[in-house]
Amino acid sequence: MVNKNNYTRKDFLKTAGSTALFATLGIGFYGCGSSTDAMDGTEITPPPGGNAAIAISNNGNTITIDLTESSVSGLNAQGGWMLIRNASTLVVNVDGSTIRAFTSVCTHAGCSTNWQFSNSRFECTCHGSRFDTGGSVVRGPATRDLQEFSVNRDGDELVINK
């Protein structure tokens, strides 16, 4: 006799199979909204890993990035980018020397943590909006450009003012 309050073997196998399939395919569960969940923090892409806490300081509306730190060294090359989740900021090296910064809050539905970058395009993976390295909408559903922030570089120090 099976207790209705217990998980049956069949329920377990269905859940485990679905979880394994999603993990194998790299599918995650994401929602629209601001970054207030357990994944809050700094996400550096590329390179993975490193000690981002040393490389990046977020003081209110000013973000300072030490480009000598290995965790953010990807920003020194064309196409290097990062998402600073706890500051809702996207940063990209456009051409090897020009670095730009934008809000990571998508102008479509307010998603702020689900970004990819390839072929000089940011994509908000919540609903597929794409933006170029100038923050302009390339493909909707977003209809407004990303807000750009001021970026000043002094040697190996990058200062972003929001």
Protein backbone atom coordinates (compact mmCIF):
# COMPACT_ATOMS: atom_id res chain seq x y z
CA MET A 1 0.00 0.00 0.00
CA VAL A 2 1.36 3.41 -0.97
CA ASN A 3 0.93 6.37 1.33
CA LYS A 4 -0.48 9.31 -0.64
CA ASN A 5 1.91 11.68 1.15
CA ASN A 6 5.01 9.80 0.02
CA TYR A 7 6.80 10.02 -3.26
CA THR A 8 6.29 6.85 -5.31
CA ARG A 9 9.08 5.22 -7.23
CA LYS A 10 7.34 6.27 -10.47
CA ASP A 11 7.21 9.93 -9.30
CA PHE A 12 10.87 9.80 -8.38
CA LEU A 13 11.90 8.34 -11.74
CA LYS A 14 9.87 10.94 -13.67
CA THR A 15 11.42 13.80 -11.70
CA ALA A 16 14.94 12.39 -11.89
CA GLY A 17 14.60 11.73 -15.63
CA SER A 18 13.36 15.26 -16.33
CA THR A 19 16.11 16.77 -14.22
CA ALA A 20 18.77 14.71 -15.97
CA LEU A 21 17.41 15.67 -19.38
CA PHE A 22 17.37 19.39 -18.54
CA ALA A 23 20.88 19.21 -17.09
CA THR A 24 22.18 17.33 -20.14
CA LEU A 25 20.69 19.90 -22.51
CA GLY A 26 21.89 22.81 -20.39
CA ILE A 27 18.36 24.06 -19.82
CA GLY A 28 17.81 26.19 -16.74
CA PHE A 29 14.77 27.75 -15.20
CA TYR A 30 14.84 31.54 -15.30
CA GLY A 31 12.25 34.16 -14.59
CA CYS A 32 11.77 37.74 -15.55
CA GLY A 33 12.68 40.26 -12.92
CA SER A 34 15.51 41.77 -11.05
CA SER A 35 18.45 39.91 -9.62
CA THR A 36 17.42 39.24 -6.04
CA ASP A 37 17.83 35.49 -5.88
CA ALA A 38 20.61 33.23 -4.65
CA MET A 39 22.48 33.71 -7.94
CA ASP A 40 23.18 37.33 -7.04
CA GLY A 41 26.81 38.32 -7.28
CA THR A 42 29.27 39.00 -10.02
CA GLU A 43 29.30 36.89 -13.13
CA ILE A 44 32.34 37.23 -15.32
CA THR A 45 32.12 35.98 -18.90
CA PRO A 46 34.79 35.23 -20.13
CA PRO A 47 36.89 33.98 -18.37
CA PRO A 48 35.10 31.77 -15.85
CA GLY A 49 36.33 31.69 -12.29
CA GLY A 50 38.81 33.96 -10.64
CA ASN A 51 38.34 36.28 -7.70
CA ALA A 52 35.91 38.91 -8.94
CA ALA A 53 35.56 40.44 -5.47
CA ILE A 54 39.13 41.77 -5.72
CA ALA A 55 38.80 42.90 -9.32
CA ILE A 56 35.49 44.76 -9.03
CA SER A 57 34.22 47.22 -6.46
CA ASN A 58 30.70 48.54 -6.53
CA ASN A 59 30.20 51.72 -4.52
CA GLY A 60 26.71 53.00 -5.18
CA ASN A 61 26.66 54.41 -8.69
CA THR A 62 30.40 53.90 -9.29
CA ILE A 63 31.89 50.59 -10.36
CA THR A 64 35.67 50.23 -10.44
CA ILE A 65 37.30 47.33 -12.28
CA ASP A 66 41.00 46.42 -11.96
CA LEU A 67 41.84 45.08 -15.42
CA THR A 68 45.08 43.47 -14.18
CA GLU A 69 43.12 40.83 -12.24
CA SER A 70 42.83 37.51 -14.09
CA SER A 71 39.10 37.19 -13.33
CA VAL A 72 38.32 40.18 -15.57
CA SER A 73 41.21 39.92 -18.03
CA GLY A 74 38.75 39.00 -20.81
CA LEU A 75 37.77 42.67 -20.91
CA ASN A 76 41.21 43.51 -22.29
CA ALA A 77 40.41 41.84 -25.63
CA GLN A 78 37.88 42.63 -28.34
CA GLY A 79 34.62 40.82 -27.62
CA GLY A 80 35.42 40.32 -23.95
CA TRP A 81 32.37 41.00 -21.82
CA MET A 82 30.92 40.61 -18.39
CA LEU A 83 27.69 40.84 -16.47
CA ILE A 84 27.99 42.42 -13.05
CA ARG A 85 24.80 41.08 -11.50
CA ASN A 86 24.85 42.98 -8.24
CA ALA A 87 25.23 46.26 -10.17
CA SER A 88 22.85 45.34 -13.05
CA THR A 89 25.57 46.23 -15.55
CA LEU A 90 26.84 44.78 -18.83
CA VAL A 91 30.40 45.67 -19.88
CA VAL A 92 31.93 44.92 -23.29
CA ASN A 93 35.23 45.57 -25.08
CA VAL A 94 33.95 46.68 -28.48
CA ASP A 95 37.09 46.83 -30.61
CA GLY A 96 40.11 45.99 -28.47
CA SER A 97 40.38 49.46 -26.92
CA THR A 98 36.85 50.87 -26.51
CA ILE A 99 34.95 49.59 -23.49
CA ARG A 100 31.27 50.41 -23.06
CA ALA A 101 28.82 49.73 -20.24
CA PHE A 102 25.03 49.43 -20.19
CA THR A 103 22.25 48.55 -17.83
CA SER A 104 21.57 44.82 -17.76
CA VAL A 105 17.87 45.49 -17.21
CA CYS A 106 16.26 44.55 -20.52
CA THR A 107 13.92 47.22 -21.85
CA HIS A 108 11.35 44.60 -22.81
CA ALA A 109 10.33 42.91 -19.55
CA GLY A 110 12.96 43.95 -17.00
CA CYS A 111 15.00 40.73 -16.96
CA SER A 112 18.47 41.53 -15.68
CA THR A 113 20.43 38.31 -15.19
CA ASN A 114 19.95 36.24 -18.33
CA TRP A 115 22.43 37.52 -20.90
CA GLN A 116 24.59 35.97 -23.59
CA PHE A 117 27.05 37.67 -25.93
CA SER A 118 28.18 36.47 -29.35
CA ASN A 119 28.79 37.96 -32.79
CA SER A 120 28.92 41.46 -31.24
CA ARG A 121 25.37 41.09 -29.94
CA PHE A 122 23.93 40.93 -26.43
CA GLU A 123 20.93 38.66 -26.13
CA CYS A 124 18.49 38.76 -23.24
CA THR A 125 17.56 35.10 -23.07
CA CYS A 126 14.27 35.77 -21.26
CA HIS A 127 12.46 36.62 -24.51
CA GLY A 128 15.17 36.88 -27.19
CA SER A 129 15.72 40.63 -27.48
CA ARG A 130 19.09 41.46 -29.02
CA PHE A 131 21.22 44.59 -28.73
CA ASP A 132 24.42 45.66 -30.48
CA THR A 133 27.56 46.89 -28.71
CA GLY A 134 26.12 50.41 -28.80
CA GLY A 135 23.10 49.27 -26.79
CA SER A 136 20.71 49.67 -29.74
CA VAL A 137 17.88 47.18 -30.29
CA VAL A 138 18.70 44.82 -33.15
CA ARG A 139 15.78 42.44 -32.63
CA GLY A 140 12.68 42.69 -30.43
CA PRO A 141 10.48 42.25 -28.59
CA ALA A 142 12.36 45.11 -26.89
CA THR A 143 11.64 48.46 -28.55
CA ARG A 144 13.98 50.71 -26.55
CA ASP A 145 17.78 50.77 -26.43
CA LEU A 146 19.74 49.86 -23.30
CA GLN A 147 20.77 52.79 -21.11
CA GLU A 148 24.49 53.46 -21.51
CA PHE A 149 26.77 54.39 -18.61
CA SER A 150 29.85 56.60 -18.64
CA VAL A 151 33.14 54.65 -18.83
CA ASN A 152 36.55 56.15 -18.05
CA ARG A 153 39.79 54.21 -18.35
CA ASP A 154 42.99 55.22 -16.64
CA GLY A 155 45.63 52.62 -17.46
CA ASP A 156 44.42 49.34 -15.99
CA GLU A 157 41.59 50.88 -13.99
CA LEU A 158 38.11 51.12 -15.45
CA VAL A 159 35.55 53.39 -13.77
CA ILE A 160 31.87 53.12 -14.70
CA ASN A 161 29.50 55.85 -13.52
CA LYS A 162 25.84 54.93 -13.58
